[in-house]
C-alpha cells in the first residue's frame, strides 16, 4: 500500500514536470504532497514548518523542486519562518524568468564562498589556510584606527566582569528558539534555579547570582513583535512572562549583514548594550552539504565575530556552540582528540565531497572554529568553543524533547515497529556507550563556564575548547541498555538477529507505517544504522574525545561532581516526554515518570 501511494504521487509530479502548461503553484503543491503527505489542496499562506516540515523534509522538498522546476532552492529559505509557500512560488517564478538562471545570493553568500574556496569546479576539499577572517570582516573592524595594527588589541574583552558574570549587563544569545538555545536562555535568566534544587541531573552553577539585566535574542521573523511571539512559543510563556522585561527579542538573521537587523542604528545600539555573546544559532542538518550550510553556519559566525569587534563599542568575548562532528571527519590528529585540537589544530584540510554522515555539518563547524582561531590571532579577542555531543531530553520539564533528532526517531521507531537488533554491535563485544547528556545539564554547564570566562579550556590563551560530551566510555549506558529500558517501561520490543535481518525488517515495518508515524520515524536517517556499531573496545581504537577540561570545569563551577551517567529512570522520563507530545502512548511505568517529574 505504501509503495502504491508513493508511486501515485511520483506519477503526478512527473506528469506536471512533463506538462509545459503546468503552473509553478501546481508543481509546488505536488512536491509538498510528495514530501509531507499533504492533500492536493495546500494552503499557500502557511510556512513550511506550519505544514509540518522540518530540516530533513526540507532537503527532500528541494530535491523534488529541482527535478520538477529545475531550480535549486536553499534549504535555509524553506526553513525561514517568514517565508510562506506563496513566497516560495514567487521565488520559483522569478527564477524561471531569469534568462541566465541566476542564483540566490542574499547577503553575498555565494560570492563570498567562491572568494574563499574557489569555484564549484574546485577539488572536494576545503583548506584551513583559505579560511581567514580578513576575507569576511573589513580591515577597519579587524584593526580599527588607534590600535596601531596590534594583534592583541581586543585581548582585554571581558575584563572587569567578575566571576559568575558579575558586572555583566547585556548578553546577546543567538539560536534562543532552538532546543539547546531555549535552555541557554533560561539558564542565563537563572529561571530554573529553584526548580533544579535537589535535582541530581541539574548543573546549576555554584555562582548563579549575576548582574545580567537584559538578554537580547536574534530570532528570524518579520518584525520584533513576531520575533517575540516565536520565542515565547518555543520556550513557553509560563517560563518567560515573569522575566519579560529582561528578554528582548529582535527580528534578524545572523547570515545577513548587520545580523539582519532592520537598520544600522539598531545594530550600533545593540553593540553598545552587549557585554558577552553566546552564539548557538546554526542550521543543524546532517544531510546538507558544506556549501549549503556555508551561509548560516560559516558566514553567520563571521557576522557575529564582526559584531563582537564593531567600533566604537568595546569588544565582546565570544562563546561558540560547536559539535563533536568536527572530530569525526577524515584526517585529524588521530584517534585521541583532546581539547587543544580546535580548528586548524585538528586538521589543515577537510573533505566535503563524500557521503559520510553529517559531513557537511561537521565541516561547517570546523570552518567556523578555524575562523575563531584566526580571529583570536588577529585581534586577541577571547573565544571559547563548546563541542557538544548528542543533546537529550530535559530531566524534568514536561514534553521538552527534540522531536526530530535521531535519538527520538530511533526510540519511537522501535516502539512503532516492535523490533530492535539483538545487539547494535557486530556481536564481537559490548556495545559502545551512548554519548549524550540531558539538555538542562548541557545548557547549565555551558552557561556556568561562559560566565566564568571559559577558564581552563584548551591550550591557547584566549582561544579555548571544551568537549561537552558524556565521557563515561567504559561504564556508560549503550543503545543495547536503552533498548532494555524501553522494554522495562512496558513496550514490547523483540530482539532480532543477525543485524542485517533486523535492519531489513525494521525498514519494511517503518515503510508500512501510516504517514504521520512514518514522518516521525527514523526513515529519513535510516542509513545511520545500516551497519552495526563497533564494540566498546574497538571504539577506543577509533576515536576518543578527551574531556578533561570539561570535567574539571563541571566540578569547579557546578554543583555536580561529574558529568551524569545515563540511567534507566532517566530513559523512562524521556519516554514520558515523548508521550506528552503525542509521539507514543504512556504505559503505567511511563505514567509514573510524571510523579518523578514533579
Protein backbone atom coordinates (compact mmCIF):
# COMPACT_ATOMS: atom_id res chain seq x y z
CA UNK A 1 0.00 0.00 0.00
CA UNK A 2 2.83 2.38 0.93
CA UNK A 3 4.53 1.74 -2.42
CA UNK A 4 1.31 2.26 -4.38
CA UNK A 5 0.63 5.62 -2.71
CA UNK A 6 4.17 6.81 -3.32
CA UNK A 7 4.02 5.70 -6.96
CA UNK A 8 0.81 7.68 -7.47
CA UNK A 9 2.43 10.82 -6.07
CA UNK A 10 5.54 10.28 -8.18
CA UNK A 11 3.42 9.93 -11.32
CA UNK A 12 1.55 13.17 -10.55
CA UNK A 13 4.82 15.03 -10.04
CA UNK A 14 6.29 13.56 -13.23
CA UNK A 15 3.18 14.43 -15.26
CA UNK A 16 3.35 18.04 -14.10
CA UNK A 17 7.04 18.17 -14.94
CA UNK A 18 6.29 16.94 -18.47
CA UNK A 19 3.40 19.39 -18.90
CA UNK A 20 4.66 22.77 -20.21
CA UNK A 21 1.38 24.38 -19.15
CA UNK A 22 1.66 23.25 -15.51
CA UNK A 23 1.89 26.20 -13.17
CA UNK A 24 4.55 26.66 -10.53
CA UNK A 25 1.79 26.56 -7.92
CA UNK A 26 0.69 23.12 -9.09
CA UNK A 27 4.27 21.85 -9.00
CA UNK A 28 4.87 23.23 -5.50
CA UNK A 29 1.65 21.63 -4.23
CA UNK A 30 2.60 18.30 -5.81
CA UNK A 31 6.07 18.47 -4.29
CA UNK A 32 4.59 19.24 -0.87
CA UNK A 33 2.19 16.33 -1.25
CA UNK A 34 5.11 14.06 -2.09
CA UNK A 35 7.24 15.35 0.78
CA UNK A 36 4.77 15.83 3.64
CA UNK A 37 1.89 13.59 2.61
CA UNK A 38 -0.46 16.56 2.25
CA UNK A 39 -3.56 16.60 0.10
CA UNK A 40 -3.59 18.30 -3.27
CA UNK A 41 -5.12 21.43 -1.74
CA UNK A 42 -2.32 23.16 0.18
CA UNK A 43 -2.68 26.47 1.98
CA UNK A 44 -0.03 28.66 0.38
CA UNK A 45 -0.27 31.25 3.15
CA UNK A 46 1.36 28.78 5.58
CA UNK A 47 5.07 28.38 6.20
CA UNK A 48 6.85 25.09 5.62
CA UNK A 49 7.10 24.50 9.38
CA UNK A 50 3.38 25.19 9.83
CA UNK A 51 2.67 22.48 7.25
CA UNK A 52 4.68 20.01 9.34
CA UNK A 53 8.07 20.36 7.65
CA UNK A 54 11.45 20.13 9.35
CA UNK A 55 15.07 20.30 8.22
CA UNK A 56 15.07 16.70 6.95
CA UNK A 57 11.88 17.03 4.91
CA UNK A 58 13.15 20.38 3.61
CA UNK A 59 16.03 18.53 1.93
CA UNK A 60 13.57 16.18 0.21
CA UNK A 61 11.39 19.08 -0.93
CA UNK A 62 14.35 20.87 -2.52
CA UNK A 63 15.18 17.67 -4.42
CA UNK A 64 11.61 17.39 -5.74
CA UNK A 65 11.54 21.08 -6.72
CA UNK A 66 14.88 20.83 -8.50
CA UNK A 67 13.56 17.89 -10.51
CA UNK A 68 10.21 19.48 -11.37
CA UNK A 69 11.15 23.17 -11.67
CA UNK A 70 14.86 22.99 -12.43
CA UNK A 71 15.67 25.41 -9.59
CA UNK A 72 17.81 24.81 -6.50
CA UNK A 73 16.00 26.28 -3.53
CA UNK A 74 18.24 26.91 -0.49
CA UNK A 75 17.07 24.84 2.47
CA UNK A 76 17.51 27.89 4.67
CA UNK A 77 14.88 29.68 2.56
CA UNK A 78 12.36 26.88 3.17
CA UNK A 79 13.05 26.90 6.90
CA UNK A 80 12.82 30.68 7.21
CA UNK A 81 9.77 31.31 9.44
CA UNK A 82 8.94 34.47 7.49
CA UNK A 83 8.65 32.60 4.17
CA UNK A 84 5.24 31.24 3.18
CA UNK A 85 4.63 28.74 0.41
CA UNK A 86 3.27 31.62 -1.67
CA UNK A 87 6.64 33.36 -1.36
CA UNK A 88 8.24 30.07 -2.48
CA UNK A 89 6.03 30.09 -5.58
CA UNK A 90 7.02 33.69 -6.31
CA UNK A 91 10.70 32.83 -5.82
CA UNK A 92 10.48 29.94 -8.29
CA UNK A 93 8.58 32.07 -10.80
CA UNK A 94 11.23 34.79 -10.57
CA UNK A 95 13.98 32.23 -11.09
CA UNK A 96 12.16 30.84 -14.11
CA UNK A 97 12.00 34.28 -15.67
CA UNK A 98 15.72 34.95 -15.29
CA UNK A 99 17.37 34.50 -18.66
CA UNK A 100 20.66 33.32 -17.24
CA UNK A 101 19.25 31.21 -14.42
CA UNK A 102 20.96 33.40 -11.83
CA UNK A 103 21.33 32.12 -8.32
CA UNK A 104 20.11 33.36 -4.97
CA UNK A 105 22.80 35.37 -3.24
CA UNK A 106 21.23 37.11 -0.29
CA UNK A 107 23.94 38.64 1.85
CA UNK A 108 26.59 37.84 -0.77
CA UNK A 109 26.95 34.25 0.47
CA UNK A 110 27.73 32.67 -2.91
CA UNK A 111 30.17 35.41 -3.88
CA UNK A 112 31.97 35.10 -0.52
CA UNK A 113 32.04 31.30 -0.76
CA UNK A 114 33.80 31.42 -4.14
CA UNK A 115 36.15 34.13 -2.95
CA UNK A 116 37.14 31.95 -0.01
CA UNK A 117 37.12 28.45 -1.52
CA UNK A 118 37.15 28.92 -5.28
CA UNK A 119 34.51 28.00 -7.89
CA UNK A 120 32.38 24.87 -7.98
CA UNK A 121 34.97 23.04 -10.06
CA UNK A 122 37.41 23.02 -7.13
CA UNK A 123 38.54 19.76 -5.50
CA UNK A 124 36.24 18.26 -2.84
CA UNK A 125 38.42 19.65 -0.06
CA UNK A 126 38.42 22.85 1.93
CA UNK A 127 41.64 24.19 3.42
CA UNK A 128 42.24 25.93 6.73
CA UNK A 129 44.64 28.38 5.10
CA UNK A 130 41.79 29.66 2.91
CA UNK A 131 39.67 30.47 5.96
CA UNK A 132 40.94 33.89 7.04
CA UNK A 133 38.81 36.48 8.80
CA UNK A 134 40.15 39.24 6.56
CA UNK A 135 38.06 37.72 3.74
CA UNK A 136 34.90 38.27 5.78
CA UNK A 137 35.47 41.25 8.08
CA UNK A 138 36.54 44.73 6.92
CA UNK A 139 40.06 45.81 7.87
CA UNK A 140 38.66 48.85 9.69
CA UNK A 141 36.85 46.50 12.06
CA UNK A 142 39.65 43.94 12.45
CA UNK A 143 42.24 46.67 13.12
CA UNK A 144 40.39 49.92 13.88
CA UNK A 145 42.18 53.27 13.99
CA UNK A 146 44.01 53.84 17.24
CA UNK A 147 45.08 50.21 17.74
CA UNK A 148 48.24 50.63 15.70
CA UNK A 149 47.66 47.29 13.99
CA UNK A 150 48.28 45.47 17.28
CA UNK A 151 47.45 41.77 17.12
CA UNK A 152 46.09 41.74 20.68
CA UNK A 153 44.09 44.95 20.85
CA UNK A 154 40.87 43.06 21.78
CA UNK A 155 42.52 40.67 24.27
CA UNK A 156 41.10 42.50 27.29
CA UNK A 157 37.49 41.97 26.19
CA UNK A 158 35.50 40.83 29.20
CA UNK A 159 37.98 42.21 31.72
CA UNK A 160 36.16 43.83 34.61
CA UNK A 161 33.47 41.16 34.57
CA UNK A 162 33.62 39.23 37.81
CA UNK A 163 33.18 35.52 38.43
CA UNK A 164 29.70 34.27 37.63
CA UNK A 165 29.02 37.17 35.27
CA UNK A 166 29.11 39.89 37.91
CA UNK A 167 29.36 43.29 36.28
CA UNK A 168 27.76 41.98 33.11
CA UNK A 169 24.69 43.88 31.91
CA UNK A 170 23.77 42.57 28.46
CA UNK A 171 24.18 39.23 26.68
CA UNK A 172 23.47 38.51 23.02
CA UNK A 173 22.15 34.98 22.50
CA UNK A 174 21.56 33.52 19.04
CA UNK A 175 19.51 30.38 18.42
CA UNK A 176 17.38 31.03 21.51
CA UNK A 177 14.33 29.38 19.95
CA UNK A 178 16.24 26.16 19.26
CA UNK A 179 16.30 23.11 21.53
CA UNK A 180 19.58 23.93 23.28
CA UNK A 181 19.15 27.69 22.88
CA UNK A 182 15.92 27.91 24.85
CA UNK A 183 17.63 26.36 27.89
CA UNK A 184 20.70 28.53 27.49
CA UNK A 185 18.26 31.44 27.75
CA UNK A 186 16.59 30.05 30.86
CA UNK A 187 19.97 29.36 32.47
CA UNK A 188 21.07 32.92 31.74
CA UNK A 189 17.90 34.13 33.39
CA UNK A 190 18.53 31.90 36.40
CA UNK A 191 14.94 30.84 35.79
CA UNK A 192 15.37 27.23 36.83
CA UNK A 193 17.41 27.81 39.97
CA UNK A 194 14.62 26.90 42.38
CA UNK A 195 13.22 24.10 40.22
CA UNK A 196 16.60 22.45 39.94
CA UNK A 197 17.44 22.41 43.65
CA UNK A 198 17.97 18.80 44.61
CA UNK A 199 17.77 17.54 41.03
CA UNK A 200 20.74 15.19 40.59
CA UNK A 201 20.92 15.93 36.87
CA UNK A 202 20.95 19.69 37.28
CA UNK A 203 24.14 21.57 36.55
CA UNK A 204 23.29 24.86 38.22
CA UNK A 205 26.36 26.97 38.78
CA UNK A 206 27.65 27.46 42.29
CA UNK A 207 27.67 31.19 41.41
CA UNK A 208 24.20 31.65 39.98
CA UNK A 209 23.79 35.24 41.12
CA UNK A 210 24.61 37.55 38.23
CA UNK A 211 24.07 41.19 37.36
CA UNK A 212 22.76 40.45 33.87
CA UNK A 213 19.89 42.82 33.23
CA UNK A 214 19.00 42.01 29.62
CA UNK A 215 19.35 39.08 27.23
CA UNK A 216 18.98 40.03 23.56
CA UNK A 217 17.80 37.22 21.29
CA UNK A 218 18.08 37.34 17.49
CA UNK A 219 15.09 35.47 16.04
CA UNK A 220 14.17 35.10 12.38
CA UNK A 221 10.81 36.81 11.97
CA UNK A 222 9.07 39.59 10.03
CA UNK A 223 9.34 42.11 12.86
CA UNK A 224 10.21 42.33 16.54
CA UNK A 225 6.67 41.52 17.66
CA UNK A 226 6.67 38.33 15.57
CA UNK A 227 10.15 37.50 16.90
CA UNK A 228 8.88 37.76 20.47
CA UNK A 229 5.82 35.63 19.69
CA UNK A 230 8.02 32.95 18.10
CA UNK A 231 10.44 32.96 21.04
CA UNK A 232 7.66 32.82 23.62
CA UNK A 233 6.06 29.91 21.77
CA UNK A 234 9.33 27.98 21.63
CA UNK A 235 10.36 28.49 25.25
CA UNK A 236 6.98 28.75 26.94
CA UNK A 237 5.11 31.81 28.15
CA UNK A 238 4.91 30.49 31.71
CA UNK A 239 8.71 30.46 31.87
CA UNK A 240 9.34 33.79 30.15
CA UNK A 241 6.47 36.00 31.30
CA UNK A 242 7.89 36.55 34.82
CA UNK A 243 11.12 37.83 33.24
CA UNK A 244 9.60 39.59 30.26
CA UNK A 245 11.46 42.84 30.90
CA UNK A 246 14.82 41.01 30.82
CA UNK A 247 14.35 39.32 27.42
CA UNK A 248 14.42 41.39 24.21
CA UNK A 249 13.55 39.53 21.01
CA UNK A 250 14.89 41.16 17.84
CA UNK A 251 13.88 40.19 14.30
CA UNK A 252 17.05 39.34 12.43
CA UNK A 253 19.14 36.73 10.64
CA UNK A 254 22.81 36.22 11.53
CA UNK A 255 23.66 35.12 7.98
CA UNK A 256 22.77 38.61 6.73
CA UNK A 257 24.73 41.88 7.02
CA UNK A 258 24.18 43.68 10.37
CA UNK A 259 22.71 40.37 11.65
CA UNK A 260 19.61 41.12 9.58
CA UNK A 261 18.51 43.89 11.96
CA UNK A 262 16.19 46.46 10.45
CA UNK A 263 18.63 49.39 10.34
CA UNK A 264 22.19 50.49 11.07
CA UNK A 265 21.07 52.40 14.16
CA UNK A 266 19.56 49.26 15.70
CA UNK A 267 22.78 47.36 15.03
CA UNK A 268 25.06 50.02 16.54
CA UNK A 269 22.75 50.40 19.53
CA UNK A 270 22.90 46.66 20.18
CA UNK A 271 26.71 46.61 20.07
CA UNK A 272 26.74 49.23 22.82
CA UNK A 273 24.43 47.24 25.12
CA UNK A 274 26.08 43.82 24.96
CA UNK A 275 28.99 42.60 27.14
CA UNK A 276 29.16 38.94 26.02
CA UNK A 277 27.96 36.91 23.02
CA UNK A 278 26.77 33.30 23.15
CA UNK A 279 26.39 32.08 19.57
CA UNK A 280 24.18 28.97 19.47
CA UNK A 281 22.39 29.77 16.21
CA UNK A 282 23.03 27.37 13.33
CA UNK A 283 21.28 25.33 10.67
CA UNK A 284 21.56 21.81 12.11
CA UNK A 285 21.06 19.38 9.26
CA UNK A 286 23.13 16.25 8.81
CA UNK A 287 22.09 15.73 5.18
CA UNK A 288 23.11 19.09 3.70
CA UNK A 289 26.43 19.80 2.03
CA UNK A 290 29.05 22.21 3.33
CA UNK A 291 28.23 24.65 0.54
CA UNK A 292 24.56 24.67 1.54
CA UNK A 293 25.48 25.26 5.19
CA UNK A 294 28.14 27.87 4.46
CA UNK A 295 25.71 30.83 4.68
CA UNK A 296 24.03 30.12 8.02
CA UNK A 297 26.91 28.35 9.79
CA UNK A 298 30.12 29.95 8.47
CA UNK A 299 29.11 33.36 7.17
CA UNK A 300 26.68 33.70 10.08
CA UNK A 301 29.50 33.06 12.55
CA UNK A 302 31.78 35.64 10.92
CA UNK A 303 28.95 38.18 11.10
CA UNK A 304 28.79 37.51 14.84
CA UNK A 305 32.59 37.94 15.03
CA UNK A 306 32.27 41.31 13.34
CA UNK A 307 29.55 42.29 15.82
CA UNK A 308 31.93 41.47 18.69
CA UNK A 309 34.54 43.88 17.30
CA UNK A 310 32.45 46.69 15.77
CA UNK A 311 33.66 50.10 16.96
CA UNK A 312 33.16 52.35 18.79
CA UNK A 313 31.74 49.90 21.33
CA UNK A 314 34.10 47.75 23.40
CA UNK A 315 35.00 44.25 22.10
CA UNK A 316 32.98 41.34 23.49
CA UNK A 317 34.08 37.77 24.39
CA UNK A 318 32.57 35.21 22.01
CA UNK A 319 31.29 31.80 23.12
CA UNK A 320 30.50 29.45 20.23
CA UNK A 321 28.44 26.24 20.21
CA UNK A 322 30.22 23.68 18.04
CA UNK A 323 29.74 19.93 17.59
CA UNK A 324 31.65 16.68 18.08
CA UNK A 325 31.02 16.11 14.35
CA UNK A 326 34.08 18.33 13.84
CA UNK A 327 36.24 15.49 15.16
CA UNK A 328 34.54 12.78 13.11
CA UNK A 329 35.67 13.69 9.61
CA UNK A 330 38.58 12.26 7.67
CA UNK A 331 42.01 13.41 8.79
CA UNK A 332 42.59 14.89 12.20
CA UNK A 333 45.29 14.25 14.78
CA UNK A 334 44.48 10.54 15.18
CA UNK A 335 42.06 8.55 17.36
CA UNK A 336 42.75 10.56 20.51
CA UNK A 337 41.32 14.08 20.17
CA UNK A 338 41.95 16.47 23.05
CA UNK A 339 40.66 19.91 23.94
CA UNK A 340 43.67 21.54 22.32
CA UNK A 341 42.63 20.28 18.87
CA UNK A 342 40.48 23.23 17.89
CA UNK A 343 40.00 24.21 14.25
CA UNK A 344 43.30 24.22 12.38
CA UNK A 345 44.93 22.20 15.17
CA UNK A 346 42.51 19.37 14.40
CA UNK A 347 43.35 19.33 10.69
CA UNK A 348 44.68 21.62 7.98
CA UNK A 349 42.08 20.46 5.45
CA UNK A 350 38.65 18.87 5.40
CA UNK A 351 36.85 16.63 2.90
CA UNK A 352 33.46 17.90 1.75
CA UNK A 353 32.78 15.80 -1.36
CA UNK A 354 32.00 12.43 0.23
CA UNK A 355 28.87 10.79 1.60
CA UNK A 356 29.80 10.37 5.27
CA UNK A 357 27.07 11.08 7.80
CA UNK A 358 26.92 14.77 8.85
CA UNK A 359 29.96 15.52 6.67
CA UNK A 360 28.71 18.94 5.58
CA UNK A 361 27.56 19.96 9.05
CA UNK A 362 30.82 18.88 10.68
CA UNK A 363 32.80 20.72 8.00
CA UNK A 364 30.81 23.94 8.50
CA UNK A 365 31.50 23.90 12.24
CA UNK A 366 35.19 23.07 11.65
CA UNK A 367 35.44 26.05 9.30
CA UNK A 368 33.87 28.27 11.97
CA UNK A 369 36.39 27.00 14.54
CA UNK A 370 39.27 27.77 12.16
CA UNK A 371 37.94 31.30 11.75
CA UNK A 372 37.58 31.69 15.52
CA UNK A 373 41.25 30.78 15.85
CA UNK A 374 42.23 33.26 13.17
CA UNK A 375 40.14 35.97 14.82
CA UNK A 376 41.90 35.38 18.14
CA UNK A 377 45.32 35.51 16.47
CA UNK A 378 44.49 38.67 14.54
CA UNK A 379 42.89 40.63 17.39
CA UNK A 380 43.35 38.74 20.66
CA UNK A 381 39.57 38.54 21.15
CA UNK A 382 38.79 35.81 23.72
CA UNK A 383 36.86 33.00 22.05
CA UNK A 384 35.58 29.73 23.52
CA UNK A 385 34.14 26.78 21.57
CA UNK A 386 31.94 24.06 23.07
CA UNK A 387 31.83 20.83 21.04
CA UNK A 388 28.56 19.19 22.04
CA UNK A 389 27.63 15.54 21.59
CA UNK A 390 24.01 14.32 21.49
CA UNK A 391 21.71 16.62 23.47
CA UNK A 392 18.93 14.59 25.07
CA UNK A 393 15.53 15.45 26.62
CA UNK A 394 15.15 17.53 29.76
CA UNK A 395 15.32 15.70 33.08
CA UNK A 396 12.14 17.25 34.44
CA UNK A 397 10.29 19.82 32.31
CA UNK A 398 7.31 18.11 30.67
CA UNK A 399 7.50 17.48 26.92
CA UNK A 400 10.89 19.12 26.45
CA UNK A 401 12.40 16.89 23.76
CA UNK A 402 13.82 17.42 20.30
CA UNK A 403 11.15 15.58 18.34
CA UNK A 404 13.11 15.39 15.08
CA UNK A 405 16.52 14.27 16.33
CA UNK A 406 17.92 10.78 15.71
CA UNK A 407 17.57 9.69 19.35
CA UNK A 408 13.83 10.39 19.45
CA UNK A 409 13.30 8.95 15.97
CA UNK A 410 15.10 5.71 16.83
CA UNK A 411 13.24 5.20 20.12
CA UNK A 412 9.77 5.81 18.66
CA UNK A 413 10.70 3.76 15.58
CA UNK A 414 11.49 0.72 17.73
CA UNK A 415 8.25 1.20 19.67
CA UNK A 416 6.18 1.65 16.49
CA UNK A 417 7.63 -1.48 14.87
CA UNK A 418 8.21 -3.61 17.95
CA UNK A 419 11.67 -4.72 16.80
CA UNK A 420 15.25 -3.90 17.74
CA UNK A 421 18.55 -5.60 16.99
CA UNK A 422 19.61 -8.24 19.48
CA UNK A 423 22.70 -6.04 19.74
CA UNK A 424 23.71 -2.83 18.00
CA UNK A 425 27.23 -4.26 17.62
CA UNK A 426 28.52 -6.98 15.34
CA UNK A 427 28.39 -9.39 18.27
CA UNK A 428 32.13 -9.20 18.95
CA UNK A 429 31.88 -7.31 22.24
CA UNK A 430 29.90 -4.89 24.39
CA UNK A 431 28.08 -2.09 22.56
CA UNK A 432 29.74 1.35 22.84
CA UNK A 433 28.39 3.82 25.35
CA UNK A 434 25.79 6.27 24.05
CA UNK A 435 27.38 9.72 24.06
CA UNK A 436 24.63 12.08 25.17
CA UNK A 437 23.51 14.24 28.11
CA UNK A 438 20.29 15.99 29.08
CA UNK A 439 19.71 19.43 27.64
CA UNK A 440 19.43 21.04 31.09
CA UNK A 441 22.79 19.63 32.15
CA UNK A 442 24.46 20.78 28.91
CA UNK A 443 22.94 24.27 29.00
CA UNK A 444 23.71 24.74 32.68
CA UNK A 445 27.33 23.66 32.27
CA UNK A 446 27.91 25.90 29.23
CA UNK A 447 26.41 28.97 30.88
CA UNK A 448 28.34 28.39 34.11
CA UNK A 449 31.61 28.06 32.17
CA UNK A 450 30.81 31.08 29.97
CA UNK A 451 30.04 33.31 32.95
CA UNK A 452 33.39 32.27 34.40
CA UNK A 453 35.05 33.40 31.16
CA UNK A 454 35.78 29.97 29.71
CA UNK A 455 38.70 29.48 32.08
CA UNK A 456 40.53 26.18 31.85
CA UNK A 457 39.64 25.06 28.34
CA UNK A 458 42.08 24.29 25.54
CA UNK A 459 45.72 25.18 25.00
CA UNK A 460 45.82 28.69 23.64
CA UNK A 461 45.45 31.71 25.80
CA UNK A 462 42.24 33.40 24.72
CA UNK A 463 41.22 30.58 22.34
CA UNK A 464 39.72 27.69 24.28
CA UNK A 465 37.82 24.48 23.63
CA UNK A 466 35.62 22.21 25.75
CA UNK A 467 34.35 18.77 24.73
CA UNK A 468 30.80 18.82 26.11
CA UNK A 469 30.42 15.04 25.96
CA UNK A 470 29.39 12.15 28.18
CA UNK A 471 32.88 10.82 28.98
CA UNK A 472 31.92 7.54 30.66
CA UNK A 473 33.10 5.42 27.76
CA UNK A 474 33.62 2.19 29.72
CA UNK A 475 30.79 2.34 32.28
CA UNK A 476 28.17 4.39 30.42
CA UNK A 477 24.91 3.05 29.01
CA UNK A 478 24.79 1.71 25.44
CA UNK A 479 21.97 1.55 22.89
CA UNK A 480 21.56 -2.09 23.95
CA UNK A 481 20.94 -0.88 27.51
CA UNK A 482 18.48 1.71 26.23
CA UNK A 483 16.52 -0.97 24.35
CA UNK A 484 16.34 -2.94 27.60
CA UNK A 485 15.00 0.12 29.41
CA UNK A 486 12.35 0.62 26.72
CA UNK A 487 11.24 -2.96 27.45
CA UNK A 488 11.28 -2.38 31.22
CA UNK A 489 8.99 0.60 30.62
CA UNK A 490 6.39 -1.83 29.24
CA UNK A 491 6.88 -1.55 25.48
CA UNK A 492 7.12 -4.95 23.71
CA UNK A 493 10.26 -4.80 21.57
CA UNK A 494 11.58 -8.05 20.12
CA UNK A 495 15.31 -8.59 19.66
CA UNK A 496 16.19 -9.73 16.13
CA UNK A 497 19.44 -11.28 14.88
CA UNK A 498 21.51 -11.22 12.79
CA UNK A 499 21.83 -7.47 12.49
CA UNK A 500 21.13 -7.24 8.75
CA UNK A 501 17.91 -9.24 9.19
CA UNK A 502 16.79 -6.73 11.82
CA UNK A 503 17.67 -3.76 9.61
CA UNK A 504 15.69 -5.11 6.64
CA UNK A 505 12.70 -5.97 8.84
CA UNK A 506 12.88 -2.58 10.59
CA UNK A 507 12.98 -0.74 7.26
CA UNK A 508 10.00 -2.65 5.83
CA UNK A 509 7.93 -2.10 9.00
CA UNK A 510 8.76 1.62 9.02
CA UNK A 511 7.75 1.99 5.38
CA UNK A 512 4.40 0.32 6.15
CA UNK A 513 3.53 2.80 8.93
CA UNK A 514 0.73 5.37 8.50
CA UNK A 515 2.02 8.64 7.06
CA UNK A 516 2.02 10.53 10.38
CA UNK A 517 4.12 7.90 12.15
CA UNK A 518 6.30 7.39 9.10
CA UNK A 519 7.14 11.11 9.12
CA UNK A 520 8.27 10.89 12.75
CA UNK A 521 10.14 7.62 12.27
CA UNK A 522 13.87 7.17 11.58
CA UNK A 523 13.25 6.53 7.86
CA UNK A 524 14.88 9.85 6.78
CA UNK A 525 18.08 8.96 8.65
CA UNK A 526 17.90 5.17 8.46
CA UNK A 527 21.31 4.90 6.79
CA UNK A 528 22.75 5.80 10.22
CA UNK A 529 22.03 2.23 11.36
CA UNK A 530 22.66 0.35 8.14
CA UNK A 531 25.72 -1.37 9.62
CA UNK A 532 26.36 -2.49 13.22
CA UNK A 533 28.43 -0.36 15.56
CA UNK A 534 31.97 -1.32 16.55
CA UNK A 535 32.36 -2.76 20.03
CA UNK A 536 33.17 -0.60 23.02
CA UNK A 537 36.74 -1.82 22.95
CA UNK A 538 37.11 -1.16 19.21
CA UNK A 539 35.75 2.38 19.63
CA UNK A 540 38.66 3.10 21.94
CA UNK A 541 40.94 2.44 18.96
CA UNK A 542 38.88 4.51 16.50
CA UNK A 543 38.01 7.76 18.32
CA UNK A 544 38.31 9.05 21.87
CA UNK A 545 37.26 12.60 22.69
CA UNK A 546 39.16 13.58 25.81
CA UNK A 547 37.05 15.77 28.09
CA UNK A 548 39.47 16.52 30.91
CA UNK A 549 38.97 20.29 30.72
CA UNK A 550 35.18 19.98 30.60
CA UNK A 551 35.04 17.54 33.52
CA UNK A 552 37.30 19.80 35.58
CA UNK A 553 35.05 22.77 34.80
CA UNK A 554 31.92 20.79 35.75
CA UNK A 555 33.47 20.03 39.13
CA UNK A 556 34.61 23.62 39.59
CA UNK A 557 31.58 25.69 38.57
CA UNK A 558 28.57 23.41 39.05
CA UNK A 559 27.06 21.54 41.97
CA UNK A 560 27.89 18.18 40.39
CA UNK A 561 30.99 16.15 40.92
CA UNK A 562 31.00 14.91 37.33
CA UNK A 563 29.00 14.51 34.13
CA UNK A 564 25.92 12.35 34.92
CA UNK A 565 25.69 8.79 33.62
CA UNK A 566 22.54 7.89 31.67
CA UNK A 567 20.15 5.77 33.73
CA UNK A 568 17.01 3.65 33.37
CA UNK A 569 14.97 6.17 35.32
CA UNK A 570 16.13 8.98 33.04
CA UNK A 571 15.21 6.95 29.92
CA UNK A 572 11.72 6.40 31.35
CA UNK A 573 11.46 10.16 31.82
CA UNK A 574 12.42 10.60 28.15
CA UNK A 575 9.62 8.18 27.20
CA UNK A 576 7.22 10.18 29.36
CA UNK A 577 8.17 13.37 27.47
CA UNK A 578 7.53 11.53 24.18
CA UNK A 579 4.09 10.52 25.42
CA UNK A 580 3.29 14.08 26.50
CA UNK A 581 3.85 15.41 22.97
CA UNK A 582 1.80 12.57 21.48
CA UNK A 583 4.53 10.52 19.84
CA UNK A 584 3.79 7.35 21.83
CA UNK A 585 1.24 6.12 24.33
CA UNK A 586 2.13 6.03 28.03
CA UNK A 587 2.50 2.69 29.79
CA UNK A 588 1.89 2.54 33.59
CA UNK A 589 5.65 2.74 34.17
CA UNK A 590 5.97 5.78 31.91
CA UNK A 591 2.94 7.44 33.50
CA UNK A 592 4.69 7.06 36.85
CA UNK A 593 7.56 9.13 35.47
CA UNK A 594 5.21 12.11 35.73
CA UNK A 595 5.49 11.75 39.50
CA UNK A 596 9.29 11.87 39.28
CA UNK A 597 8.98 14.96 37.12
CA UNK A 598 7.00 16.82 39.75
